[in-house]
Amino acid sequence: MTPAAQAEPGRWGGRRTGGGPTWLRVAVIVGVLVAAFVVAQTCQQSQIRLSKDQAIAKAEREIDFEPNSTQIRLLRQGLQSEPFWIVSLSIKGDAENSFRELAIVRIDANTGKVESVRQQR
């Protein structure tokens, strides 16, 4: 092969394409794919898959009274900011700012798992 053919623009291994060993190129591609996979998994863990209405319905199944007041809020908790629905279900009491029944249900907004139920009578 002539020196002119070896330096032809656009040929693999030439100066314009970066040259370098093939194993290094493969390692870089594998590294980028692994990084993309880790980022995708991390983002997927913080998604909100359970709607507000689904969370309320799930919380109502966890208690043994019929609430006349419902409050719901989405909180991100922990180092990885995992989303949780916090559902407050209550029956107002006779005195102002009191409750005859009160329950607070904490639900993982990603998996739908009920994490805790606190009920006060």
PDB file of N, CA and C in Angstrom:
ATOM      1  N   MET A   1       0.854  -1.176   0.000  1.00  0.00           N
ATOM      2  CA  MET A   1       0.000   0.000   0.000  1.00  0.00           C
ATOM      3  C   MET A   1       0.897   1.235   0.000  1.00  0.00           C
ATOM      4  N   THR A   2       0.541   2.202  -0.815  1.00  0.00           N
ATOM      5  CA  THR A   2       1.361   3.401  -0.940  1.00  0.00           C
ATOM      6  C   THR A   2       1.092   4.334   0.227  1.00  0.00           C
ATOM      7  N   PRO A   3       2.035   5.203   0.586  1.00  0.00           N
ATOM      8  CA  PRO A   3       1.812   6.156   1.671  1.00  0.00           C
ATOM      9  C   PRO A   3       0.622   7.072   1.407  1.00  0.00           C
ATOM     10  N   ALA A   4       0.340   7.380   0.139  1.00  0.00           N
ATOM     11  CA  ALA A   4      -0.794   8.247  -0.176  1.00  0.00           C
ATOM     12  C   ALA A   4      -2.112   7.525   0.141  1.00  0.00           C
ATOM     13  N   ALA A   5      -2.185   6.215  -0.114  1.00  0.00           N
ATOM     14  CA  ALA A   5      -3.399   5.451   0.163  1.00  0.00           C
ATOM     15  C   ALA A   5      -3.619   5.300   1.662  1.00  0.00           C
ATOM     16  N   GLN A   6      -2.523   5.217   2.439  1.00  0.00           N
ATOM     17  CA  GLN A   6      -2.639   5.069   3.885  1.00  0.00           C
ATOM     18  C   GLN A   6      -3.168   6.346   4.535  1.00  0.00           C
ATOM     19  N   ALA A   7      -2.872   7.495   3.996  1.00  0.00           N
ATOM     20  CA  ALA A   7      -3.289   8.772   4.571  1.00  0.00           C
ATOM     21  C   ALA A   7      -4.578   9.289   3.955  1.00  0.00           C
ATOM     22  N   GLU A   8      -5.266   8.433   3.220  1.00  0.00           N
ATOM     23  CA  GLU A   8      -6.498   8.835   2.561  1.00  0.00           C
ATOM     24  C   GLU A   8      -7.532   9.299   3.594  1.00  0.00           C
ATOM     25  N   PRO A   9      -8.186  10.448   3.361  1.00  0.00           N
ATOM     26  CA  PRO A   9      -9.140  10.970   4.342  1.00  0.00           C
ATOM     27  C   PRO A   9     -10.321  10.028   4.531  1.00  0.00           C
ATOM     28  N   GLY A  10     -10.759   9.885   5.788  1.00  0.00           N
ATOM     29  CA  GLY A  10     -11.941   9.100   6.102  1.00  0.00           C
ATOM     30  C   GLY A  10     -11.685   7.619   6.302  1.00  0.00           C
ATOM     31  N   ARG A  11     -10.473   7.149   6.143  1.00  0.00           N
ATOM     32  CA  ARG A  11     -10.182   5.734   6.357  1.00  0.00           C
ATOM     33  C   ARG A  11     -10.015   5.469   7.839  1.00  0.00           C
ATOM     34  N   TRP A  12     -10.502   4.305   8.294  1.00  0.00           N
ATOM     35  CA  TRP A  12     -10.339   3.927   9.706  1.00  0.00           C
ATOM     36  C   TRP A  12      -8.862   3.785  10.026  1.00  0.00           C
ATOM     37  N   GLY A  13      -8.490   4.319  11.160  1.00  0.00           N
ATOM     38  CA  GLY A  13      -7.092   4.251  11.569  1.00  0.00           C
ATOM     39  C   GLY A  13      -6.272   5.414  11.073  1.00  0.00           C
ATOM     40  N   GLY A  14      -6.847   6.247  10.220  1.00  0.00           N
ATOM     41  CA  GLY A  14      -6.126   7.415   9.727  1.00  0.00           C
ATOM     42  C   GLY A  14      -6.126   8.529  10.754  1.00  0.00           C
ATOM     43  N   ARG A  15      -5.409   9.580  10.452  1.00  0.00           N
ATOM     44  CA  ARG A  15      -5.311  10.691  11.403  1.00  0.00           C
ATOM     45  C   ARG A  15      -6.652  11.401  11.590  1.00  0.00           C
ATOM     46  N   ARG A  16      -7.469  11.450  10.567  1.00  0.00           N
ATOM     47  CA  ARG A  16      -8.730  12.186  10.668  1.00  0.00           C
ATOM     48  C   ARG A  16      -9.787  11.457  11.505  1.00  0.00           C
ATOM     49  N   THR A  17      -9.728  10.164  11.599  1.00  0.00           N
ATOM     50  CA  THR A  17     -10.738   9.404  12.353  1.00  0.00           C
ATOM     51  C   THR A  17     -10.281   9.130  13.777  1.00  0.00           C
ATOM     52  N   GLY A  18      -9.146   9.601  14.153  1.00  0.00           N
ATOM     53  CA  GLY A  18      -8.699   9.452  15.530  1.00  0.00           C
ATOM     54  C   GLY A  18      -7.781   8.285  15.748  1.00  0.00           C
ATOM     55  N   GLY A  19      -7.750   7.338  14.845  1.00  0.00           N
ATOM     56  CA  GLY A  19      -6.869   6.188  15.007  1.00  0.00           C
ATOM     57  C   GLY A  19      -7.171   5.473  16.308  1.00  0.00           C
ATOM     58  N   GLY A  20      -6.182   5.028  16.996  1.00  0.00           N
ATOM     59  CA  GLY A  20      -6.343   4.406  18.306  1.00  0.00           C
ATOM     60  C   GLY A  20      -6.817   2.974  18.196  1.00  0.00           C
ATOM     61  N   PRO A  21      -6.609   2.226  19.258  1.00  0.00           N
ATOM     62  CA  PRO A  21      -6.984   0.813  19.246  1.00  0.00           C
ATOM     63  C   PRO A  21      -8.509   0.618  19.267  1.00  0.00           C
ATOM     64  N   THR A  22      -8.948  -0.460  18.655  1.00  0.00           N
ATOM     65  CA  THR A  22     -10.371  -0.781  18.593  1.00  0.00           C
ATOM     66  C   THR A  22     -10.927  -1.057  19.984  1.00  0.00           C
ATOM     67  N   TRP A  23     -10.165  -1.706  20.859  1.00  0.00           N
ATOM     68  CA  TRP A  23     -10.651  -2.030  22.209  1.00  0.00           C
ATOM     69  C   TRP A  23     -10.965  -0.768  22.997  1.00  0.00           C
ATOM     70  N   LEU A  24     -10.241   0.306  22.748  1.00  0.00           N
ATOM     71  CA  LEU A  24     -10.510   1.563  23.439  1.00  0.00           C
ATOM     72  C   LEU A  24     -11.851   2.144  22.976  1.00  0.00           C
ATOM     73  N   ARG A  25     -12.111   2.069  21.684  1.00  0.00           N
ATOM     74  CA  ARG A  25     -13.392   2.549  21.157  1.00  0.00           C
ATOM     75  C   ARG A  25     -14.556   1.746  21.743  1.00  0.00           C
ATOM     76  N   VAL A  26     -14.383   0.437  21.790  1.00  0.00           N
ATOM     77  CA  VAL A  26     -15.424  -0.432  22.341  1.00  0.00           C
ATOM     78  C   VAL A  26     -15.646  -0.096  23.821  1.00  0.00           C
ATOM     79  N   ALA A  27     -14.590   0.119  24.571  1.00  0.00           N
ATOM     80  CA  ALA A  27     -14.709   0.447  25.992  1.00  0.00           C
ATOM     81  C   ALA A  27     -15.449   1.767  26.197  1.00  0.00           C
ATOM     82  N   VAL A  28     -15.189   2.743  25.364  1.00  0.00           N
ATOM     83  CA  VAL A  28     -15.888   4.033  25.471  1.00  0.00           C
ATOM     84  C   VAL A  28     -17.373   3.859  25.172  1.00  0.00           C
ATOM     85  N   ILE A  29     -17.703   3.107  24.145  1.00  0.00           N
ATOM     86  CA  ILE A  29     -19.111   2.878  23.791  1.00  0.00           C
ATOM     87  C   ILE A  29     -19.825   2.132  24.916  1.00  0.00           C
ATOM     88  N   VAL A  30     -19.188   1.099  25.466  1.00  0.00           N
ATOM     89  CA  VAL A  30     -19.790   0.348  26.571  1.00  0.00           C
ATOM     90  C   VAL A  30     -19.980   1.260  27.782  1.00  0.00           C
ATOM     91  N   GLY A  31     -18.999   2.114  28.071  1.00  0.00           N
ATOM     92  CA  GLY A  31     -19.114   3.053  29.192  1.00  0.00           C
ATOM     93  C   GLY A  31     -20.288   4.011  29.029  1.00  0.00           C
ATOM     94  N   VAL A  32     -20.476   4.515  27.836  1.00  0.00           N
ATOM     95  CA  VAL A  32     -21.596   5.436  27.570  1.00  0.00           C
ATOM     96  C   VAL A  32     -22.930   4.703  27.725  1.00  0.00           C
ATOM     97  N   LEU A  33     -23.028   3.473  27.243  1.00  0.00           N
ATOM     98  CA  LEU A  33     -24.261   2.698  27.370  1.00  0.00           C
ATOM     99  C   LEU A  33     -24.580   2.383  28.831  1.00  0.00           C
ATOM    100  N   VAL A  34     -23.567   2.042  29.615  1.00  0.00           N
ATOM    101  CA  VAL A  34     -23.781   1.776  31.044  1.00  0.00           C
ATOM    102  C   VAL A  34     -24.256   3.037  31.753  1.00  0.00           C
ATOM    103  N   ALA A  35     -23.643   4.172  31.459  1.00  0.00           N
ATOM    104  CA  ALA A  35     -24.062   5.440  32.073  1.00  0.00           C
ATOM    105  C   ALA A  35     -25.504   5.774  31.706  1.00  0.00           C
ATOM    106  N   ALA A  36     -25.877   5.571  30.451  1.00  0.00           N
ATOM    107  CA  ALA A  36     -27.256   5.843  30.024  1.00  0.00           C
ATOM    108  C   ALA A  36     -28.241   4.927  30.744  1.00  0.00           C
ATOM    109  N   PHE A  37     -27.881   3.662  30.938  1.00  0.00           N
ATOM    110  CA  PHE A  37     -28.742   2.719  31.640  1.00  0.00           C
ATOM    111  C   PHE A  37     -28.939   3.141  33.098  1.00  0.00           C
ATOM    112  N   VAL A  38     -27.869   3.540  33.769  1.00  0.00           N
ATOM    113  CA  VAL A  38     -27.956   3.963  35.171  1.00  0.00           C
ATOM    114  C   VAL A  38     -28.832   5.204  35.294  1.00  0.00           C
ATOM    115  N   VAL A  39     -28.652   6.163  34.421  1.00  0.00           N
ATOM    116  CA  VAL A  39     -29.469   7.385  34.456  1.00  0.00           C
ATOM    117  C   VAL A  39     -30.939   7.052  34.214  1.00  0.00           C
ATOM    118  N   ALA A  40     -31.219   6.172  33.260  1.00  0.00           N
ATOM    119  CA  ALA A  40     -32.607   5.797  32.957  1.00  0.00           C
ATOM    120  C   ALA A  40     -33.259   5.106  34.151  1.00  0.00           C
ATOM    121  N   GLN A  41     -32.535   4.220  34.826  1.00  0.00           N
ATOM    122  CA  GLN A  41     -33.091   3.523  35.990  1.00  0.00           C
ATOM    123  C   GLN A  41     -33.346   4.490  37.139  1.00  0.00           C
ATOM    124  N   THR A  42     -32.438   5.428  37.351  1.00  0.00           N
ATOM    125  CA  THR A  42     -32.588   6.408  38.426  1.00  0.00           C
ATOM    126  C   THR A  42     -33.798   7.292  38.170  1.00  0.00           C
ATOM    127  N   CYS A  43     -33.982   7.736  36.953  1.00  0.00           N
ATOM    128  CA  CYS A  43     -35.131   8.579  36.624  1.00  0.00           C
ATOM    129  C   CYS A  43     -36.433   7.808  36.755  1.00  0.00           C
ATOM    130  N   GLN A  44     -36.419   6.537  36.398  1.00  0.00           N
ATOM    131  CA  GLN A  44     -37.627   5.741  36.444  1.00  0.00           C
ATOM    132  C   GLN A  44     -38.084   5.514  37.878  1.00  0.00           C
ATOM    133  N   GLN A  45     -37.162   5.449  38.839  1.00  0.00           N
ATOM    134  CA  GLN A  45     -37.531   5.215  40.225  1.00  0.00           C
ATOM    135  C   GLN A  45     -38.249   6.402  40.837  1.00  0.00           C
ATOM    136  N   SER A  46     -38.099   7.572  40.274  1.00  0.00           N
ATOM    137  CA  SER A  46     -38.733   8.752  40.856  1.00  0.00           C
ATOM    138  C   SER A  46     -39.986   9.182  40.094  1.00  0.00           C
ATOM    139  N   GLN A  47     -40.463   8.347  39.202  1.00  0.00           N
ATOM    140  CA  GLN A  47     -41.667   8.683  38.451  1.00  0.00           C
ATOM    141  C   GLN A  47     -42.908   8.526  39.324  1.00  0.00           C
ATOM    142  N   ILE A  48     -43.944   9.255  38.978  1.00  0.00           N
ATOM    143  CA  ILE A  48     -45.225   9.160  39.670  1.00  0.00           C
ATOM    144  C   ILE A  48     -46.146   8.339  38.782  1.00  0.00           C
ATOM    145  N   ARG A  49     -46.383   7.101  39.172  1.00  0.00           N
ATOM    146  CA  ARG A  49     -47.213   6.199  38.375  1.00  0.00           C
ATOM    147  C   ARG A  49     -48.624   6.081  38.933  1.00  0.00           C
ATOM    148  N   LEU A  50     -48.810   6.456  40.192  1.00  0.00           N
ATOM    149  CA  LEU A  50     -50.113   6.361  40.837  1.00  0.00           C
ATOM    150  C   LEU A  50     -50.751   7.745  40.838  1.00  0.00           C
ATOM    151  N   SER A  51     -51.927   7.854  40.256  1.00  0.00           N
ATOM    152  CA  SER A  51     -52.592   9.163  40.192  1.00  0.00           C
ATOM    153  C   SER A  51     -53.151   9.545  41.558  1.00  0.00           C
ATOM    154  N   LYS A  52     -53.548  10.796  41.665  1.00  0.00           N
ATOM    155  CA  LYS A  52     -54.128  11.307  42.902  1.00  0.00           C
ATOM    156  C   LYS A  52     -55.403  10.538  43.255  1.00  0.00           C
ATOM    157  N   ASP A  53     -56.248  10.312  42.285  1.00  0.00           N
ATOM    158  CA  ASP A  53     -57.511   9.601  42.521  1.00  0.00           C
ATOM    159  C   ASP A  53     -57.268   8.145  42.924  1.00  0.00           C
ATOM    160  N   GLN A  54     -56.283   7.507  42.310  1.00  0.00           N
ATOM    161  CA  GLN A  54     -55.949   6.136  42.679  1.00  0.00           C
ATOM    162  C   GLN A  54     -55.430   6.062  44.110  1.00  0.00           C
ATOM    163  N   ALA A  55     -54.636   7.057  44.503  1.00  0.00           N
ATOM    164  CA  ALA A  55     -54.096   7.084  45.868  1.00  0.00           C
ATOM    165  C   ALA A  55     -55.218   7.260  46.889  1.00  0.00           C
ATOM    166  N   ILE A  56     -56.179   8.117  46.598  1.00  0.00           N
ATOM    167  CA  ILE A  56     -57.308   8.318  47.519  1.00  0.00           C
ATOM    168  C   ILE A  56     -58.117   7.031  47.649  1.00  0.00           C
ATOM    169  N   ALA A  57     -58.392   6.375  46.538  1.00  0.00           N
ATOM    170  CA  ALA A  57     -59.159   5.121  46.571  1.00  0.00           C
ATOM    171  C   ALA A  57     -58.422   4.054  47.370  1.00  0.00           C
ATOM    172  N   LYS A  58     -57.111   3.956  47.181  1.00  0.00           N
ATOM    173  CA  LYS A  58     -56.312   2.973  47.915  1.00  0.00           C
ATOM    174  C   LYS A  58     -56.293   3.287  49.406  1.00  0.00           C
ATOM    175  N   ALA A  59     -56.210   4.568  49.764  1.00  0.00           N
ATOM    176  CA  ALA A  59     -56.198   4.968  51.169  1.00  0.00           C
ATOM    177  C   ALA A  59     -57.545   4.673  51.828  1.00  0.00           C
ATOM    178  N   GLU A  60     -58.644   4.900  51.117  1.00  0.00           N
ATOM    179  CA  GLU A  60     -59.976   4.633  51.680  1.00  0.00           C
ATOM    180  C   GLU A  60     -60.190   3.149  51.959  1.00  0.00           C
ATOM    181  N   ARG A  61     -59.541   2.286  51.186  1.00  0.00           N
ATOM    182  CA  ARG A  61     -59.650   0.836  51.429  1.00  0.00           C
ATOM    183  C   ARG A  61     -58.886   0.412  52.683  1.00  0.00           C
ATOM    184  N   GLU A  62     -57.963   1.240  53.147  1.00  0.00           N
ATOM    185  CA  GLU A  62     -57.133   0.902  54.302  1.00  0.00           C
ATOM    186  C   GLU A  62     -57.770   1.264  55.641  1.00  0.00           C
ATOM    187  N   ILE A  63     -58.854   2.031  55.634  1.00  0.00           N
ATOM    188  CA  ILE A  63     -59.455   2.488  56.886  1.00  0.00           C
ATOM    189  C   ILE A  63     -60.825   1.854  57.087  1.00  0.00           C
ATOM    190  N   ASP A  64     -61.322   1.937  58.330  1.00  0.00           N
ATOM    191  CA  ASP A  64     -62.602   1.295  58.650  1.00  0.00           C
ATOM    192  C   ASP A  64     -63.706   2.302  58.977  1.00  0.00           C
ATOM    193  N   PHE A  65     -63.642   3.500  58.389  1.00  0.00           N
ATOM    194  CA  PHE A  65     -64.710   4.486  58.552  1.00  0.00           C
ATOM    195  C   PHE A  65     -64.913   5.222  57.238  1.00  0.00           C
ATOM    196  N   GLU A  66     -66.036   5.890  57.102  1.00  0.00           N
ATOM    197  CA  GLU A  66     -66.368   6.636  55.889  1.00  0.00           C
ATOM    198  C   GLU A  66     -66.004   8.113  56.113  1.00  0.00           C
ATOM    199  N   PRO A  67     -64.922   8.620  55.502  1.00  0.00           N
ATOM    200  CA  PRO A  67     -64.497  10.002  55.759  1.00  0.00           C
ATOM    201  C   PRO A  67     -65.415  11.021  55.093  1.00  0.00           C
ATOM    202  N   ASN A  68     -65.546  12.193  55.735  1.00  0.00           N
ATOM    203  CA  ASN A  68     -66.286  13.275  55.083  1.00  0.00           C
ATOM    204  C   ASN A  68     -65.340  14.395  54.648  1.00  0.00           C
ATOM    205  N   SER A  69     -64.055  14.216  54.915  1.00  0.00           N
ATOM    206  CA  SER A  69     -63.048  15.180  54.483  1.00  0.00           C
ATOM    207  C   SER A  69     -61.787  14.429  54.050  1.00  0.00           C
ATOM    208  N   THR A  70     -61.232  14.837  52.909  1.00  0.00           N
ATOM    209  CA  THR A  70     -60.025  14.200  52.373  1.00  0.00           C
ATOM    210  C   THR A  70     -59.055  15.275  51.920  1.00  0.00           C
ATOM    211  N   GLN A  71     -57.804  15.126  52.323  1.00  0.00           N
ATOM    212  CA  GLN A  71     -56.731  16.001  51.845  1.00  0.00           C
ATOM    213  C   GLN A  71     -55.616  15.105  51.324  1.00  0.00           C
ATOM    214  N   ILE A  72     -54.980  15.532  50.246  1.00  0.00           N
ATOM    215  CA  ILE A  72     -53.889  14.747  49.683  1.00  0.00           C
ATOM    216  C   ILE A  72     -52.774  15.681  49.244  1.00  0.00           C
ATOM    217  N   ARG A  73     -51.545  15.234  49.432  1.00  0.00           N
ATOM    218  CA  ARG A  73     -50.396  16.015  48.976  1.00  0.00           C
ATOM    219  C   ARG A  73     -49.281  15.064  48.552  1.00  0.00           C
ATOM    220  N   LEU A  74     -48.488  15.506  47.607  1.00  0.00           N
ATOM    221  CA  LEU A  74     -47.364  14.723  47.104  1.00  0.00           C
ATOM    222  C   LEU A  74     -46.093  15.258  47.740  1.00  0.00           C
ATOM    223  N   LEU A  75     -45.358  14.373  48.409  1.00  0.00           N
ATOM    224  CA  LEU A  75     -44.091  14.756  49.029  1.00  0.00           C
ATOM    225  C   LEU A  75     -42.985  13.876  48.478  1.00  0.00           C
ATOM    226  N   ARG A  76     -41.830  14.463  48.297  1.00  0.00           N
ATOM    227  CA  ARG A  76     -40.643  13.688  47.913  1.00  0.00           C
ATOM    228  C   ARG A  76     -39.789  13.549  49.160  1.00  0.00           C
ATOM    229  N   GLN A  77     -39.476  12.293  49.519  1.00  0.00           N
ATOM    230  CA  GLN A  77     -38.764  12.026  50.759  1.00  0.00           C
ATOM    231  C   GLN A  77     -37.506  11.217  50.496  1.00  0.00           C
ATOM    232  N   GLY A  78     -36.516  11.397  51.359  1.00  0.00           N
ATOM    233  CA  GLY A  78     -35.285  10.631  51.281  1.00  0.00           C
ATOM    234  C   GLY A  78     -34.232  11.289  50.411  1.00  0.00           C
ATOM    235  N   LEU A  79     -33.061  10.665  50.403  1.00  0.00           N
ATOM    236  CA  LEU A  79     -31.937  11.204  49.632  1.00  0.00           C
ATOM    237  C   LEU A  79     -32.195  11.154  48.133  1.00  0.00           C
ATOM    238  N   GLN A  80     -32.963  10.171  47.692  1.00  0.00           N
ATOM    239  CA  GLN A  80     -33.236  10.046  46.255  1.00  0.00           C
ATOM    240  C   GLN A  80     -34.559  10.698  45.873  1.00  0.00           C
ATOM    241  N   SER A  81     -35.154  11.453  46.780  1.00  0.00           N
ATOM    242  CA  SER A  81     -36.410  12.184  46.528  1.00  0.00           C
ATOM    243  C   SER A  81     -37.512  11.284  45.976  1.00  0.00           C
ATOM    244  N   GLU A  82     -37.757  10.170  46.661  1.00  0.00           N
ATOM    245  CA  GLU A  82     -38.805   9.264  46.226  1.00  0.00           C
ATOM    246  C   GLU A  82     -40.173   9.890  46.490  1.00  0.00           C
ATOM    247  N   PRO A  83     -41.094   9.807  45.515  1.00  0.00           N
ATOM    248  CA  PRO A  83     -42.407  10.445  45.671  1.00  0.00           C
ATOM    249  C   PRO A  83     -43.377   9.597  46.497  1.00  0.00           C
ATOM    250  N   PHE A  84     -44.087  10.253  47.419  1.00  0.00           N
ATOM    251  CA  PHE A  84     -45.099   9.600  48.247  1.00  0.00           C
ATOM    252  C   PHE A  84     -46.356  10.455  48.261  1.00  0.00           C
ATOM    253  N   TRP A  85     -47.517   9.788  48.176  1.00  0.00           N
ATOM    254  CA  TRP A  85     -48.783  10.455  48.403  1.00  0.00           C
ATOM    255  C   TRP A  85     -49.079  10.353  49.892  1.00  0.00           C
ATOM    256  N   ILE A  86     -49.392  11.468  50.523  1.00  0.00           N
ATOM    257  CA  ILE A  86     -49.821  11.500  51.915  1.00  0.00           C
ATOM    258  C   ILE A  86     -51.302  11.867  51.895  1.00  0.00           C
ATOM    259  N   VAL A  87     -52.147  10.912  52.298  1.00  0.00           N
ATOM    260  CA  VAL A  87     -53.595  11.095  52.232  1.00  0.00           C
ATOM    261  C   VAL A  87     -54.137  11.196  53.652  1.00  0.00           C
ATOM    262  N   SER A  88     -54.821  12.300  53.959  1.00  0.00           N
ATOM    263  CA  SER A  88     -55.463  12.503  55.262  1.00  0.00           C
ATOM    264  C   SER A  88     -56.964  12.326  55.086  1.00  0.00           C
ATOM    265  N   LEU A  89     -57.535  11.413  55.845  1.00  0.00           N
ATOM    266  CA  LEU A  89     -58.962  11.123  55.785  1.00  0.00           C
ATOM    267  C   LEU A  89     -59.535  11.380  57.174  1.00  0.00           C
ATOM    268  N   SER A  90     -60.662  12.101  57.252  1.00  0.00           N
ATOM    269  CA  SER A  90     -61.160  12.444  58.589  1.00  0.00           C
ATOM    270  C   SER A  90     -62.670  12.621  58.623  1.00  0.00           C
ATOM    271  N   ILE A  91     -63.183  12.548  59.868  1.00  0.00           N
ATOM    272  CA  ILE A  91     -64.553  12.928  60.194  1.00  0.00           C
ATOM    273  C   ILE A  91     -64.425  14.013  61.248  1.00  0.00           C
ATOM    274  N   LYS A  92     -64.981  15.171  60.967  1.00  0.00           N
ATOM    275  CA  LYS A  92     -64.874  16.312  61.893  1.00  0.00           C
ATOM    276  C   LYS A  92     -65.555  15.999  63.222  1.00  0.00           C
ATOM    277  N   GLY A  93     -64.967  16.549  64.288  1.00  0.00           N
ATOM    278  CA  GLY A  93     -65.533  16.384  65.612  1.00  0.00           C
ATOM    279  C   GLY A  93     -66.514  17.491  65.939  1.00  0.00           C
ATOM    280  N   ASP A  94     -67.077  17.445  67.167  1.00  0.00           N
ATOM    281  CA  ASP A  94     -68.045  18.447  67.596  1.00  0.00           C
ATOM    282  C   ASP A  94     -67.382  19.788  67.875  1.00  0.00           C
ATOM    283  N   ALA A  95     -66.198  19.767  68.494  1.00  0.00           N
ATOM    284  CA  ALA A  95     -65.486  21.014  68.792  1.00  0.00           C
ATOM    285  C   ALA A  95     -64.729  21.476  67.542  1.00  0.00           C
ATOM    286  N   GLU A  96     -64.463  22.791  67.509  1.00  0.00           N
ATOM    287  CA  GLU A  96     -63.722  23.343  66.376  1.00  0.00           C
ATOM    288  C   GLU A  96     -62.299  22.782  66.374  1.00  0.00           C
ATOM    289  N   ASN A  97     -61.768  22.507  65.179  1.00  0.00           N
ATOM    290  CA  ASN A  97     -60.427  21.961  64.992  1.00  0.00           C
ATOM    291  C   ASN A  97     -60.232  20.616  65.680  1.00  0.00           C
ATOM    292  N   SER A  98     -61.284  19.814  65.764  1.00  0.00           N
ATOM    293  CA  SER A  98     -61.147  18.474  66.337  1.00  0.00           C
ATOM    294  C   SER A  98     -61.675  17.444  65.334  1.00  0.00           C
ATOM    295  N   PHE A  99     -61.306  16.199  65.547  1.00  0.00           N
ATOM    296  CA  PHE A  99     -61.713  15.112  64.666  1.00  0.00           C
ATOM    297  C   PHE A  99     -62.292  13.972  65.492  1.00  0.00           C
ATOM    298  N   ARG A 100     -63.382  13.412  64.995  1.00  0.00           N
ATOM    299  CA  ARG A 100     -63.926  12.214  65.622  1.00  0.00           C
ATOM    300  C   ARG A 100     -63.102  11.009  65.147  1.00  0.00           C
ATOM    301  N   GLU A 101     -62.715  11.011  63.881  1.00  0.00           N
ATOM    302  CA  GLU A 101     -61.859   9.977  63.284  1.00  0.00           C
ATOM    303  C   GLU A 101     -60.828  10.671  62.406  1.00  0.00           C
ATOM    304  N   LEU A 102     -59.599  10.156  62.421  1.00  0.00           N
ATOM    305  CA  LEU A 102     -58.528  10.727  61.593  1.00  0.00           C
ATOM    306  C   LEU A 102     -57.574   9.612  61.204  1.00  0.00           C
ATOM    307  N   ALA A 103     -57.242   9.550  59.933  1.00  0.00           N
ATOM    308  CA  ALA A 103     -56.270   8.573  59.442  1.00  0.00           C
ATOM    309  C   ALA A 103     -55.341   9.260  58.446  1.00  0.00           C
ATOM    310  N   ILE A 104     -54.075   8.907  58.531  1.00  0.00           N
ATOM    311  CA  ILE A 104     -53.084   9.404  57.579  1.00  0.00           C
ATOM    312  C   ILE A 104     -52.435   8.191  56.930  1.00  0.00           C
ATOM    313  N   VAL A 105     -52.536   8.123  55.608  1.00  0.00           N
ATOM    314  CA  VAL A 105     -52.026   6.981  54.854  1.00  0.00           C
ATOM    315  C   VAL A 105     -50.904   7.467  53.947  1.00  0.00           C
ATOM    316  N   ARG A 106     -49.757   6.808  54.014  1.00  0.00           N
ATOM    317  CA  ARG A 106     -48.586   7.155  53.200  1.00  0.00           C
ATOM    318  C   ARG A 106     -48.420   6.073  52.135  1.00  0.00           C
ATOM    319  N   ILE A 107     -48.462   6.499  50.846  1.00  0.00           N
ATOM    320  CA  ILE A 107     -48.434   5.559  49.720  1.00  0.00           C
ATOM    321  C   ILE A 107     -47.295   5.925  48.779  1.00  0.00           C
ATOM    322  N   ASP A 108     -46.503   4.927  48.377  1.00  0.00           N
ATOM    323  CA  ASP A 108     -45.428   5.134  47.405  1.00  0.00           C
ATOM    324  C   ASP A 108     -46.076   5.469  46.062  1.00  0.00           C
ATOM    325  N   ALA A 109     -45.789   6.657  45.526  1.00  0.00           N
ATOM    326  CA  ALA A 109     -46.424   7.115  44.288  1.00  0.00           C
ATOM    327  C   ALA A 109     -45.884   6.398  43.053  1.00  0.00           C
ATOM    328  N   ASN A 110     -44.771   5.698  43.194  1.00  0.00           N
ATOM    329  CA  ASN A 110     -44.194   4.963  42.076  1.00  0.00           C
ATOM    330  C   ASN A 110     -44.742   3.538  42.022  1.00  0.00           C
ATOM    331  N   THR A 111     -44.726   2.833  43.156  1.00  0.00           N
ATOM    332  CA  THR A 111     -45.135   1.423  43.174  1.00  0.00           C
ATOM    333  C   THR A 111     -46.588   1.221  43.582  1.00  0.00           C
ATOM    334  N   GLY A 112     -47.180   2.184  44.305  1.00  0.00           N
ATOM    335  CA  GLY A 112     -48.540   2.039  44.797  1.00  0.00           C
ATOM    336  C   GLY A 112     -48.628   1.297  46.109  1.00  0.00           C
ATOM    337  N   LYS A 113     -47.490   0.948  46.694  1.00  0.00           N
ATOM    338  CA  LYS A 113     -47.468   0.213  47.960  1.00  0.00           C
ATOM    339  C   LYS A 113     -47.840   1.139  49.117  1.00  0.00           C
ATOM    340  N   VAL A 114     -48.743   0.668  49.995  1.00  0.00           N
ATOM    341  CA  VAL A 114     -49.095   1.428  51.191  1.00  0.00           C
ATOM    342  C   VAL A 114     -47.960   1.257  52.203  1.00  0.00           C
ATOM    343  N   GLU A 115     -47.285   2.348  52.524  1.00  0.00           N
ATOM    344  CA  GLU A 115     -46.109   2.291  53.406  1.00  0.00           C
ATOM    345  C   GLU A 115     -46.501   2.374  54.878  1.00  0.00           C
ATOM    346  N   SER A 116     -47.525   3.182  55.195  1.00  0.00           N
ATOM    347  CA  SER A 116     -47.943   3.278  56.600  1.00  0.00           C
ATOM    348  C   SER A 116     -49.371   3.777  56.681  1.00  0.00           C
ATOM    349  N   VAL A 117     -50.029   3.381  57.772  1.00  0.00           N
ATOM    350  CA  VAL A 117     -51.384   3.835  58.070  1.00  0.00           C
ATOM    351  C   VAL A 117     -51.397   4.215  59.546  1.00  0.00           C
ATOM    352  N   ARG A 118     -51.728   5.469  59.834  1.00  0.00           N
ATOM    353  CA  ARG A 118     -51.871   5.931  61.216  1.00  0.00           C
ATOM    354  C   ARG A 118     -53.311   6.353  61.409  1.00  0.00           C
ATOM    355  N   GLN A 119     -53.950   5.763  62.419  1.00  0.00           N
ATOM    356  CA  GLN A 119     -55.357   6.048  62.649  1.00  0.00           C
ATOM    357  C   GLN A 119     -55.537   6.522  64.091  1.00  0.00           C
ATOM    358  N   GLN A 120     -56.288   7.599  64.230  1.00  0.00           N
ATOM    359  CA  GLN A 120     -56.568   8.193  65.553  1.00  0.00           C
ATOM    360  C   GLN A 120     -58.068   8.223  65.761  1.00  0.00           C
ATOM    361  N   ARG A 121     -58.498   7.862  66.957  1.00  0.00           N
ATOM    362  CA  ARG A 121     -59.929   7.880  67.268  1.00  0.00           C
ATOM    363  C   ARG A 121     -60.210   8.779  68.425  1.00  0.00           C
TER     364      ARG A 121
END
